[in-house]
Amino acid sequence: MKAKKPNPKAQANAELPVRETKPKAPLPSGRPAPLKIEKVHAPDLEKVPTEEIWSLYRSARKAKKEAEVERLRNVLMERHYPLVRYIAERLLQTLPKSIELDDLVSAGLFGLMDAIRGFEPERNIKFKTYCSTRVRGSILDQLRSQDWVPRLVRLKASRIERALQRLTGEYGREPTHAELAEALRAEHGELADELLTANAKAMFSLSDKWEDREDESSVEKVDVLEDRKAVDPIGELHRRDTMLFLTKALTHKERFIIEQYYQVGHTMREIGEMLGLTESRVCQIHSNVMSRMKGQLGERSGTFLT
């Protein structure tokens, strides 16, 4: 019998160390169990410091991940919302009561969004300082766009007001028109026109309530606003009684002329056409009647028939 030659590969495999491994537990179907990949969740942004959110935001902008940029920008806006509200409340103290705080905050949020988009930390400027300027400017731009008075008129009014305050402090009294014109280096007529246009350019809400009332009832300003074009009933009754007293001693023609001229508002020519008289004759009768009335009333005659 011939001896078998040794297999060199078998000898090499036999010399290698063998490591025992535990077989994987098979599934009920006999297949090996699949690998489980755990999802790495994004960190809870509510607990992440603001500086880290800024780093994530800049990284997302460089990578041009629009969805991530928008999400992180919203988080930054929520973090800085108290600053916007604080600036709006400070500005509201210097504005009329017709301005709503929510409108100022809404305008300030647009400034905050622009500040986040244009902030460059390489300039070594704190975001709070940069953001405050942008938010305040956005609110003021919104107020100017809603102002019905031209901006140039506002600037002139502020210039005149500053000069008045400065001269009042220097002289200890209100300056004269000539002193104010000299301080502003303006002509008298030009200054008068500026004072006229700059005066009383403010808007008030008629729905506001009166403050510091003794009773607890709330009355809107529109309810007590005087209508200068309305007829005063007491004055109208007084005027009518006075007219009856004055015309009691007149003839029918004289009474008709006085009533038509002062109460109805007809001219002498129209009254003459109604009576069949000339305009000069009506004027003559009117003059005679007024002379007799002035004699009866004395100095108080002008207060009744004006």
C-alpha atoms as a PDB file:
ATOM      1  CA  MET A   1       0.000   0.000   0.000  1.00  0.00           C
ATOM      2  CA  LYS A   2       1.148   3.450  -0.876  1.00  0.00           C
ATOM      3  CA  ALA A   3       1.336   6.008   1.897  1.00  0.00           C
ATOM      4  CA  LYS A   4      -0.838   9.169   1.479  1.00  0.00           C
ATOM      5  CA  LYS A   5       1.010  12.381   0.958  1.00  0.00           C
ATOM      6  CA  PRO A   6       0.296  15.025   3.585  1.00  0.00           C
ATOM      7  CA  ASN A   7      -1.858  17.977   2.442  1.00  0.00           C
ATOM      8  CA  PRO A   8       0.039  21.235   3.205  1.00  0.00           C
ATOM      9  CA  LYS A   9      -3.179  23.332   3.302  1.00  0.00           C
ATOM     10  CA  ALA A  10      -4.758  20.986   5.765  1.00  0.00           C
ATOM     11  CA  GLN A  11      -1.644  21.115   7.958  1.00  0.00           C
ATOM     12  CA  ALA A  12      -1.680  24.936   7.860  1.00  0.00           C
ATOM     13  CA  ASN A  13      -5.322  25.057   8.815  1.00  0.00           C
ATOM     14  CA  ALA A  14      -4.724  22.598  11.560  1.00  0.00           C
ATOM     15  CA  GLU A  15      -1.993  24.768  13.036  1.00  0.00           C
ATOM     16  CA  LEU A  16      -4.221  27.907  13.179  1.00  0.00           C
ATOM     17  CA  PRO A  17      -6.023  28.610  16.509  1.00  0.00           C
ATOM     18  CA  VAL A  18      -9.706  27.988  16.405  1.00  0.00           C
ATOM     19  CA  ARG A  19     -12.059  30.548  18.139  1.00  0.00           C
ATOM     20  CA  GLU A  20     -15.385  29.282  19.218  1.00  0.00           C
ATOM     21  CA  THR A  21     -18.362  31.475  18.389  1.00  0.00           C
ATOM     22  CA  LYS A  22     -21.887  31.186  19.655  1.00  0.00           C
ATOM     23  CA  PRO A  23     -24.379  30.651  16.884  1.00  0.00           C
ATOM     24  CA  LYS A  24     -27.092  33.278  16.504  1.00  0.00           C
ATOM     25  CA  ALA A  25     -30.465  32.357  17.759  1.00  0.00           C
ATOM     26  CA  PRO A  26     -32.620  31.540  14.772  1.00  0.00           C
ATOM     27  CA  LEU A  27     -36.026  33.111  14.232  1.00  0.00           C
ATOM     28  CA  PRO A  28     -39.085  30.871  14.320  1.00  0.00           C
ATOM     29  CA  SER A  29     -38.853  30.736  10.522  1.00  0.00           C
ATOM     30  CA  GLY A  30     -35.277  29.487  10.694  1.00  0.00           C
ATOM     31  CA  ARG A  31     -33.656  32.705   9.384  1.00  0.00           C
ATOM     32  CA  PRO A  32     -30.993  34.541  11.449  1.00  0.00           C
ATOM     33  CA  ALA A  33     -32.086  37.596  13.464  1.00  0.00           C
ATOM     34  CA  PRO A  34     -31.627  40.946  11.600  1.00  0.00           C
ATOM     35  CA  LEU A  35     -29.383  43.670  12.913  1.00  0.00           C
ATOM     36  CA  LYS A  36     -31.083  46.390  14.965  1.00  0.00           C
ATOM     37  CA  ILE A  37     -30.088  49.989  14.029  1.00  0.00           C
ATOM     38  CA  GLU A  38     -30.973  52.495  16.699  1.00  0.00           C
ATOM     39  CA  LYS A  39     -31.929  55.965  15.397  1.00  0.00           C
ATOM     40  CA  VAL A  40     -29.833  58.764  16.805  1.00  0.00           C
ATOM     41  CA  HIS A  41     -32.398  61.366  17.858  1.00  0.00           C
ATOM     42  CA  ALA A  42     -31.612  65.099  17.551  1.00  0.00           C
ATOM     43  CA  PRO A  43     -30.935  66.723  20.901  1.00  0.00           C
ATOM     44  CA  ASP A  44     -33.820  68.477  22.667  1.00  0.00           C
ATOM     45  CA  LEU A  45     -33.366  72.069  21.496  1.00  0.00           C
ATOM     46  CA  GLU A  46     -35.193  73.458  24.505  1.00  0.00           C
ATOM     47  CA  LYS A  47     -32.305  72.396  26.727  1.00  0.00           C
ATOM     48  CA  VAL A  48     -29.513  73.281  24.300  1.00  0.00           C
ATOM     49  CA  PRO A  49     -27.677  76.553  25.069  1.00  0.00           C
ATOM     50  CA  THR A  50     -28.195  79.424  22.680  1.00  0.00           C
ATOM     51  CA  GLU A  51     -24.555  79.465  21.571  1.00  0.00           C
ATOM     52  CA  GLU A  52     -24.774  75.846  20.441  1.00  0.00           C
ATOM     53  CA  ILE A  53     -27.957  76.603  18.514  1.00  0.00           C
ATOM     54  CA  TRP A  54     -26.102  79.408  16.754  1.00  0.00           C
ATOM     55  CA  SER A  55     -23.352  76.950  15.820  1.00  0.00           C
ATOM     56  CA  LEU A  56     -25.902  74.490  14.448  1.00  0.00           C
ATOM     57  CA  TYR A  57     -27.618  77.301  12.554  1.00  0.00           C
ATOM     58  CA  ARG A  58     -24.398  78.461  10.889  1.00  0.00           C
ATOM     59  CA  SER A  59     -23.465  74.899   9.999  1.00  0.00           C
ATOM     60  CA  ALA A  60     -26.875  74.301   8.453  1.00  0.00           C
ATOM     61  CA  ARG A  61     -26.556  77.501   6.411  1.00  0.00           C
ATOM     62  CA  LYS A  62     -23.166  76.443   5.077  1.00  0.00           C
ATOM     63  CA  ALA A  63     -24.566  73.037   4.163  1.00  0.00           C
ATOM     64  CA  LYS A  64     -27.600  74.754   2.555  1.00  0.00           C
ATOM     65  CA  LYS A  65     -30.102  72.655   4.477  1.00  0.00           C
ATOM     66  CA  GLU A  66     -33.127  74.916   4.116  1.00  0.00           C
ATOM     67  CA  ALA A  67     -35.459  72.890   6.339  1.00  0.00           C
ATOM     68  CA  GLU A  68     -32.910  72.751   9.153  1.00  0.00           C
ATOM     69  CA  VAL A  69     -32.110  76.444   8.774  1.00  0.00           C
ATOM     70  CA  GLU A  70     -35.775  77.382   9.094  1.00  0.00           C
ATOM     71  CA  ARG A  71     -36.252  75.158  12.144  1.00  0.00           C
ATOM     72  CA  LEU A  72     -33.230  76.575  13.941  1.00  0.00           C
ATOM     73  CA  ARG A  73     -34.192  80.150  13.003  1.00  0.00           C
ATOM     74  CA  ASN A  74     -37.594  79.651  14.608  1.00  0.00           C
ATOM     75  CA  VAL A  75     -35.890  78.417  17.769  1.00  0.00           C
ATOM     76  CA  LEU A  76     -33.650  81.491  17.839  1.00  0.00           C
ATOM     77  CA  MET A  77     -36.665  83.750  17.363  1.00  0.00           C
ATOM     78  CA  GLU A  78     -38.390  82.114  20.327  1.00  0.00           C
ATOM     79  CA  ARG A  79     -35.266  82.627  22.449  1.00  0.00           C
ATOM     80  CA  HIS A  80     -35.069  86.345  21.619  1.00  0.00           C
ATOM     81  CA  TYR A  81     -38.811  87.083  21.667  1.00  0.00           C
ATOM     82  CA  PRO A  82     -38.645  88.587  25.219  1.00  0.00           C
ATOM     83  CA  LEU A  83     -36.085  91.104  23.950  1.00  0.00           C
ATOM     84  CA  VAL A  84     -38.437  92.197  21.147  1.00  0.00           C
ATOM     85  CA  ARG A  85     -41.303  92.628  23.588  1.00  0.00           C
ATOM     86  CA  TYR A  86     -39.113  94.619  25.981  1.00  0.00           C
ATOM     87  CA  ILE A  87     -38.090  97.037  23.207  1.00  0.00           C
ATOM     88  CA  ALA A  88     -41.725  97.390  22.078  1.00  0.00           C
ATOM     89  CA  GLU A  89     -42.887  98.172  25.623  1.00  0.00           C
ATOM     90  CA  ARG A  90     -40.214 100.847  26.014  1.00  0.00           C
ATOM     91  CA  LEU A  91     -41.244 102.518  22.750  1.00  0.00           C
ATOM     92  CA  LEU A  92     -44.930 102.277  23.638  1.00  0.00           C
ATOM     93  CA  GLN A  93     -44.390 104.612  26.613  1.00  0.00           C
ATOM     94  CA  THR A  94     -43.536 107.473  24.234  1.00  0.00           C
ATOM     95  CA  LEU A  95     -46.359 106.843  21.739  1.00  0.00           C
ATOM     96  CA  PRO A  96     -50.082 107.744  21.762  1.00  0.00           C
ATOM     97  CA  LYS A  97     -52.465 105.366  23.460  1.00  0.00           C
ATOM     98  CA  SER A  98     -54.055 104.474  20.135  1.00  0.00           C
ATOM     99  CA  ILE A  99     -50.960 102.370  19.291  1.00  0.00           C
ATOM    100  CA  GLU A 100     -51.277  98.707  20.253  1.00  0.00           C
ATOM    101  CA  LEU A 101     -48.412  96.750  21.805  1.00  0.00           C
ATOM    102  CA  ASP A 102     -49.093  93.703  19.633  1.00  0.00           C
ATOM    103  CA  ASP A 103     -48.619  95.796  16.482  1.00  0.00           C
ATOM    104  CA  LEU A 104     -45.202  96.947  17.703  1.00  0.00           C
ATOM    105  CA  VAL A 105     -44.171  93.409  18.630  1.00  0.00           C
ATOM    106  CA  SER A 106     -45.266  92.120  15.230  1.00  0.00           C
ATOM    107  CA  ALA A 107     -43.160  94.763  13.473  1.00  0.00           C
ATOM    108  CA  GLY A 108     -40.230  94.007  15.766  1.00  0.00           C
ATOM    109  CA  LEU A 109     -40.306  90.309  14.881  1.00  0.00           C
ATOM    110  CA  PHE A 110     -39.578  91.173  11.264  1.00  0.00           C
ATOM    111  CA  GLY A 111     -36.528  93.083  12.448  1.00  0.00           C
ATOM    112  CA  LEU A 112     -35.493  90.093  14.565  1.00  0.00           C
ATOM    113  CA  MET A 113     -35.768  87.800  11.556  1.00  0.00           C
ATOM    114  CA  ASP A 114     -33.572  90.122   9.488  1.00  0.00           C
ATOM    115  CA  ALA A 115     -31.084  90.349  12.347  1.00  0.00           C
ATOM    116  CA  ILE A 116     -30.763  86.553  12.583  1.00  0.00           C
ATOM    117  CA  ARG A 117     -30.324  86.301   8.830  1.00  0.00           C
ATOM    118  CA  GLY A 118     -27.664  89.011   8.622  1.00  0.00           C
ATOM    119  CA  PHE A 119     -25.750  88.451  11.863  1.00  0.00           C
ATOM    120  CA  GLU A 120     -22.005  87.895  11.403  1.00  0.00           C
ATOM    121  CA  PRO A 121     -20.228  86.775  14.596  1.00  0.00           C
ATOM    122  CA  GLU A 122     -16.826  87.387  12.969  1.00  0.00           C
ATOM    123  CA  ARG A 123     -17.263  91.099  13.641  1.00  0.00           C
ATOM    124  CA  ASN A 124     -17.076  90.494  17.414  1.00  0.00           C
ATOM    125  CA  ILE A 125     -20.422  92.160  18.092  1.00  0.00           C
ATOM    126  CA  LYS A 126     -22.921  90.727  20.539  1.00  0.00           C
ATOM    127  CA  PHE A 127     -26.125  89.610  18.921  1.00  0.00           C
ATOM    128  CA  LYS A 128     -28.191  91.401  21.560  1.00  0.00           C
ATOM    129  CA  THR A 129     -26.648  94.757  20.594  1.00  0.00           C
ATOM    130  CA  TYR A 130     -27.040  94.126  16.883  1.00  0.00           C
ATOM    131  CA  CYS A 131     -30.551  92.765  17.289  1.00  0.00           C
ATOM    132  CA  SER A 132     -31.779  95.662  19.439  1.00  0.00           C
ATOM    133  CA  THR A 133     -30.859  98.190  16.763  1.00  0.00           C
ATOM    134  CA  ARG A 134     -32.560  96.212  13.997  1.00  0.00           C
ATOM    135  CA  VAL A 135     -35.714  95.584  16.017  1.00  0.00           C
ATOM    136  CA  ARG A 136     -36.062  99.217  17.064  1.00  0.00           C
ATOM    137  CA  GLY A 137     -35.500 100.377  13.490  1.00  0.00           C
ATOM    138  CA  SER A 138     -38.104  97.953  12.156  1.00  0.00           C
ATOM    139  CA  ILE A 139     -40.703  99.241  14.618  1.00  0.00           C
ATOM    140  CA  LEU A 140     -39.953 102.887  13.795  1.00  0.00           C
ATOM    141  CA  ASP A 141     -40.167 102.175  10.058  1.00  0.00           C
ATOM    142  CA  GLN A 142     -43.592 100.629  10.574  1.00  0.00           C
ATOM    143  CA  LEU A 143     -44.768 103.660  12.567  1.00  0.00           C
ATOM    144  CA  ARG A 144     -43.498 106.074   9.912  1.00  0.00           C
ATOM    145  CA  SER A 145     -45.267 104.160   7.157  1.00  0.00           C
ATOM    146  CA  GLN A 146     -48.574 104.572   9.015  1.00  0.00           C
ATOM    147  CA  ASP A 147     -48.038 108.264   9.822  1.00  0.00           C
ATOM    148  CA  TRP A 148     -50.325 110.530   7.781  1.00  0.00           C
ATOM    149  CA  VAL A 149     -48.056 113.525   8.377  1.00  0.00           C
ATOM    150  CA  PRO A 150     -45.008 113.812   6.057  1.00  0.00           C
ATOM    151  CA  ARG A 151     -41.688 113.040   7.681  1.00  0.00           C
ATOM    152  CA  LEU A 152     -40.297 116.466   6.732  1.00  0.00           C
ATOM    153  CA  VAL A 153     -43.050 118.138   8.758  1.00  0.00           C
ATOM    154  CA  ARG A 154     -42.180 115.962  11.762  1.00  0.00           C
ATOM    155  CA  LEU A 155     -38.517 116.890  11.471  1.00  0.00           C
ATOM    156  CA  LYS A 156     -39.337 120.611  11.315  1.00  0.00           C
ATOM    157  CA  ALA A 157     -41.619 120.299  14.333  1.00  0.00           C
ATOM    158  CA  SER A 158     -38.883 118.540  16.327  1.00  0.00           C
ATOM    159  CA  ARG A 159     -36.363 121.194  15.317  1.00  0.00           C
ATOM    160  CA  ILE A 160     -38.654 123.994  16.455  1.00  0.00           C
ATOM    161  CA  GLU A 161     -39.468 122.196  19.718  1.00  0.00           C
ATOM    162  CA  ARG A 162     -35.790 121.715  20.563  1.00  0.00           C
ATOM    163  CA  ALA A 163     -35.078 125.388  19.873  1.00  0.00           C
ATOM    164  CA  LEU A 164     -38.016 126.449  22.068  1.00  0.00           C
ATOM    165  CA  GLN A 165     -36.790 124.336  24.973  1.00  0.00           C
ATOM    166  CA  ARG A 166     -33.225 125.604  24.645  1.00  0.00           C
ATOM    167  CA  LEU A 167     -34.220 129.282  24.471  1.00  0.00           C
ATOM    168  CA  THR A 168     -36.691 128.912  27.323  1.00  0.00           C
ATOM    169  CA  GLY A 169     -33.899 127.508  29.487  1.00  0.00           C
ATOM    170  CA  GLU A 170     -31.549 130.337  28.536  1.00  0.00           C
ATOM    171  CA  TYR A 171     -33.972 133.267  28.958  1.00  0.00           C
ATOM    172  CA  GLY A 172     -36.087 131.828  31.753  1.00  0.00           C
ATOM    173  CA  ARG A 173     -39.193 132.600  29.709  1.00  0.00           C
ATOM    174  CA  GLU A 174     -40.775 131.656  26.425  1.00  0.00           C
ATOM    175  CA  PRO A 175     -38.846 133.267  23.534  1.00  0.00           C
ATOM    176  CA  THR A 176     -40.463 135.765  21.216  1.00  0.00           C
ATOM    177  CA  HIS A 177     -41.110 135.094  17.555  1.00  0.00           C
ATOM    178  CA  ALA A 178     -38.126 137.219  16.531  1.00  0.00           C
ATOM    179  CA  GLU A 179     -35.767 135.432  18.955  1.00  0.00           C
ATOM    180  CA  LEU A 180     -36.951 132.034  17.728  1.00  0.00           C
ATOM    181  CA  ALA A 181     -36.529 133.053  14.094  1.00  0.00           C
ATOM    182  CA  GLU A 182     -33.004 134.312  14.791  1.00  0.00           C
ATOM    183  CA  ALA A 183     -32.064 131.075  16.571  1.00  0.00           C
ATOM    184  CA  LEU A 184     -33.397 128.981  13.688  1.00  0.00           C
ATOM    185  CA  ARG A 185     -31.946 131.350  11.064  1.00  0.00           C
ATOM    186  CA  ALA A 186     -35.297 131.605   9.327  1.00  0.00           C
ATOM    187  CA  GLU A 187     -37.409 134.445   7.986  1.00  0.00           C
ATOM    188  CA  HIS A 188     -40.444 135.571   9.963  1.00  0.00           C
ATOM    189  CA  GLY A 189     -42.905 134.447   7.291  1.00  0.00           C
ATOM    190  CA  GLU A 190     -41.144 131.109   6.825  1.00  0.00           C
ATOM    191  CA  LEU A 191     -41.146 130.437  10.566  1.00  0.00           C
ATOM    192  CA  ALA A 192     -44.839 131.337  10.808  1.00  0.00           C
ATOM    193  CA  ASP A 193     -45.660 128.820   8.061  1.00  0.00           C
ATOM    194  CA  GLU A 194     -43.592 126.107   9.763  1.00  0.00           C
ATOM    195  CA  LEU A 195     -45.305 126.749  13.093  1.00  0.00           C
ATOM    196  CA  LEU A 196     -48.700 126.528  11.411  1.00  0.00           C
ATOM    197  CA  THR A 197     -47.969 123.239   9.629  1.00  0.00           C
ATOM    198  CA  ALA A 198     -46.159 121.669  12.587  1.00  0.00           C
ATOM    199  CA  ASN A 199     -48.905 122.477  15.093  1.00  0.00           C
ATOM    200  CA  ALA A 200     -51.595 119.992  16.106  1.00  0.00           C
ATOM    201  CA  LYS A 201     -50.412 117.066  14.032  1.00  0.00           C
ATOM    202  CA  ALA A 202     -51.444 114.216  16.302  1.00  0.00           C
ATOM    203  CA  MET A 203     -54.105 111.524  16.078  1.00  0.00           C
ATOM    204  CA  PHE A 204     -56.218 110.311  18.975  1.00  0.00           C
ATOM    205  CA  SER A 205     -58.581 107.410  19.269  1.00  0.00           C
ATOM    206  CA  LEU A 206     -62.180 108.352  20.048  1.00  0.00           C
ATOM    207  CA  SER A 207     -62.766 104.900  21.525  1.00  0.00           C
ATOM    208  CA  ASP A 208     -60.381 105.584  24.437  1.00  0.00           C
ATOM    209  CA  LYS A 209     -61.845 105.846  27.926  1.00  0.00           C
ATOM    210  CA  TRP A 210     -61.630 108.892  30.124  1.00  0.00           C
ATOM    211  CA  GLU A 211     -59.217 108.414  33.000  1.00  0.00           C
ATOM    212  CA  ASP A 212     -59.284 109.707  36.576  1.00  0.00           C
ATOM    213  CA  ARG A 213     -63.063 109.734  36.745  1.00  0.00           C
ATOM    214  CA  GLU A 214     -64.659 109.978  40.174  1.00  0.00           C
ATOM    215  CA  ASP A 215     -67.409 107.512  39.344  1.00  0.00           C
ATOM    216  CA  GLU A 216     -66.745 103.983  38.159  1.00  0.00           C
ATOM    217  CA  SER A 217     -68.649 104.366  34.887  1.00  0.00           C
ATOM    218  CA  SER A 218     -66.534 104.292  31.740  1.00  0.00           C
ATOM    219  CA  VAL A 219     -67.357 106.881  29.087  1.00  0.00           C
ATOM    220  CA  GLU A 220     -65.705 106.998  25.691  1.00  0.00           C
ATOM    221  CA  LYS A 221     -64.355 110.301  24.423  1.00  0.00           C
ATOM    222  CA  VAL A 222     -66.647 110.267  21.420  1.00  0.00           C
ATOM    223  CA  ASP A 223     -69.669 110.364  23.744  1.00  0.00           C
ATOM    224  CA  VAL A 224     -68.703 113.737  25.223  1.00  0.00           C
ATOM    225  CA  LEU A 225     -67.060 115.333  22.195  1.00  0.00           C
ATOM    226  CA  GLU A 226     -68.526 118.740  21.388  1.00  0.00           C
ATOM    227  CA  ASP A 227     -70.125 119.181  17.989  1.00  0.00           C
ATOM    228  CA  ARG A 228     -69.502 122.823  17.137  1.00  0.00           C
ATOM    229  CA  LYS A 229     -71.811 122.648  14.107  1.00  0.00           C
ATOM    230  CA  ALA A 230     -74.782 121.428  16.109  1.00  0.00           C
ATOM    231  CA  VAL A 231     -77.521 123.862  17.124  1.00  0.00           C
ATOM    232  CA  ASP A 232     -77.610 124.789  20.794  1.00  0.00           C
ATOM    233  CA  PRO A 233     -81.273 124.299  21.827  1.00  0.00           C
ATOM    234  CA  ILE A 234     -81.097 126.755  24.730  1.00  0.00           C
ATOM    235  CA  GLY A 235     -79.477 129.428  22.612  1.00  0.00           C
ATOM    236  CA  GLU A 236     -81.969 128.835  19.818  1.00  0.00           C
ATOM    237  CA  LEU A 237     -84.922 129.266  22.223  1.00  0.00           C
ATOM    238  CA  HIS A 238     -83.374 132.434  23.636  1.00  0.00           C
ATOM    239  CA  ARG A 239     -82.817 133.809  20.145  1.00  0.00           C
ATOM    240  CA  ARG A 240     -86.412 132.991  19.116  1.00  0.00           C
ATOM    241  CA  ASP A 241     -87.940 134.613  22.208  1.00  0.00           C
ATOM    242  CA  THR A 242     -85.814 137.711  21.678  1.00  0.00           C
ATOM    243  CA  MET A 243     -86.905 137.939  18.051  1.00  0.00           C
ATOM    244  CA  LEU A 244     -90.586 137.680  19.044  1.00  0.00           C
ATOM    245  CA  PHE A 245     -90.118 140.423  21.628  1.00  0.00           C
ATOM    246  CA  LEU A 246     -88.399 142.737  19.171  1.00  0.00           C
ATOM    247  CA  THR A 247     -90.828 142.224  16.305  1.00  0.00           C
ATOM    248  CA  LYS A 248     -93.986 142.459  18.421  1.00  0.00           C
ATOM    249  CA  ALA A 249     -94.334 146.204  17.824  1.00  0.00           C
ATOM    250  CA  LEU A 250     -93.511 146.030  14.080  1.00  0.00           C
ATOM    251  CA  THR A 251     -95.928 145.988  11.177  1.00  0.00           C
ATOM    252  CA  HIS A 252     -96.515 142.865   9.136  1.00  0.00           C
ATOM    253  CA  LYS A 253     -94.222 144.050   6.340  1.00  0.00           C
ATOM    254  CA  GLU A 254     -91.425 145.077   8.690  1.00  0.00           C
ATOM    255  CA  ARG A 255     -91.655 141.783  10.624  1.00  0.00           C
ATOM    256  CA  PHE A 256     -91.538 139.822   7.355  1.00  0.00           C
ATOM    257  CA  ILE A 257     -88.402 141.650   6.218  1.00  0.00           C
ATOM    258  CA  ILE A 258     -86.583 141.060   9.526  1.00  0.00           C
ATOM    259  CA  GLU A 259     -87.541 137.367   9.727  1.00  0.00           C
ATOM    260  CA  GLN A 260     -86.664 136.647   6.106  1.00  0.00           C
ATOM    261  CA  TYR A 261     -83.327 138.452   6.324  1.00  0.00           C
ATOM    262  CA  TYR A 262     -82.035 137.196   9.708  1.00  0.00           C
ATOM    263  CA  GLN A 263     -83.762 133.849  10.187  1.00  0.00           C
ATOM    264  CA  VAL A 264     -84.217 132.484   6.673  1.00  0.00           C
ATOM    265  CA  GLY A 265     -81.183 134.147   5.096  1.00  0.00           C
ATOM    266  CA  HIS A 266     -82.760 135.734   2.047  1.00  0.00           C
ATOM    267  CA  THR A 267     -81.141 138.768   0.445  1.00  0.00           C
ATOM    268  CA  MET A 268     -82.734 142.200   0.172  1.00  0.00           C
ATOM    269  CA  ARG A 269     -83.319 141.637  -3.517  1.00  0.00           C
ATOM    270  CA  GLU A 270     -85.153 138.343  -2.930  1.00  0.00           C
ATOM    271  CA  ILE A 271     -87.280 139.892  -0.177  1.00  0.00           C
ATOM    272  CA  GLY A 272     -88.203 142.761  -2.483  1.00  0.00           C
ATOM    273  CA  GLU A 273     -89.332 140.311  -5.176  1.00  0.00           C
ATOM    274  CA  MET A 274     -91.551 138.509  -2.658  1.00  0.00           C
ATOM    275  CA  LEU A 275     -93.129 141.791  -1.444  1.00  0.00           C
ATOM    276  CA  GLY A 276     -93.245 143.478  -4.855  1.00  0.00           C
ATOM    277  CA  LEU A 277     -90.844 146.211  -3.711  1.00  0.00           C
ATOM    278  CA  THR A 278     -87.526 147.432  -5.008  1.00  0.00           C
ATOM    279  CA  GLU A 279     -84.287 146.443  -3.315  1.00  0.00           C
ATOM    280  CA  SER A 280     -83.585 150.020  -2.262  1.00  0.00           C
ATOM    281  CA  ARG A 281     -87.022 150.272  -0.613  1.00  0.00           C
ATOM    282  CA  VAL A 282     -86.435 147.061   1.342  1.00  0.00           C
ATOM    283  CA  CYS A 283     -83.072 148.397   2.496  1.00  0.00           C
ATOM    284  CA  GLN A 284     -84.713 151.619   3.629  1.00  0.00           C
ATOM    285  CA  ILE A 285     -87.374 149.780   5.657  1.00  0.00           C
ATOM    286  CA  HIS A 286     -84.693 147.580   7.168  1.00  0.00           C
ATOM    287  CA  SER A 287     -82.616 150.583   8.200  1.00  0.00           C
ATOM    288  CA  ASN A 288     -85.588 152.258   9.854  1.00  0.00           C
ATOM    289  CA  VAL A 289     -86.480 149.102  11.780  1.00  0.00           C
ATOM    290  CA  MET A 290     -82.886 148.621  12.973  1.00  0.00           C
ATOM    291  CA  SER A 291     -82.711 152.235  14.157  1.00  0.00           C
ATOM    292  CA  ARG A 292     -85.816 151.803  16.292  1.00  0.00           C
ATOM    293  CA  MET A 293     -84.580 148.486  17.690  1.00  0.00           C
ATOM    294  CA  LYS A 294     -81.213 149.946  18.635  1.00  0.00           C
ATOM    295  CA  GLY A 295     -82.996 152.649  20.509  1.00  0.00           C
ATOM    296  CA  GLN A 296     -85.020 150.054  22.408  1.00  0.00           C
ATOM    297  CA  LEU A 297     -82.147 147.675  23.212  1.00  0.00           C
ATOM    298  CA  GLY A 298     -79.310 150.131  23.599  1.00  0.00           C
ATOM    299  CA  GLU A 299     -75.838 148.576  23.664  1.00  0.00           C
ATOM    300  CA  ARG A 300     -77.149 145.002  23.743  1.00  0.00           C
ATOM    301  CA  SER A 301     -78.642 145.164  20.256  1.00  0.00           C
ATOM    302  CA  GLY A 302     -75.630 143.568  18.565  1.00  0.00           C
ATOM    303  CA  THR A 303     -75.856 140.378  20.615  1.00  0.00           C
ATOM    304  CA  PHE A 304     -79.260 139.338  19.290  1.00  0.00           C
ATOM    305  CA  LEU A 305     -79.256 139.908  15.546  1.00  0.00           C
ATOM    306  CA  THR A 306     -75.752 138.728  14.642  1.00  0.00           C
END
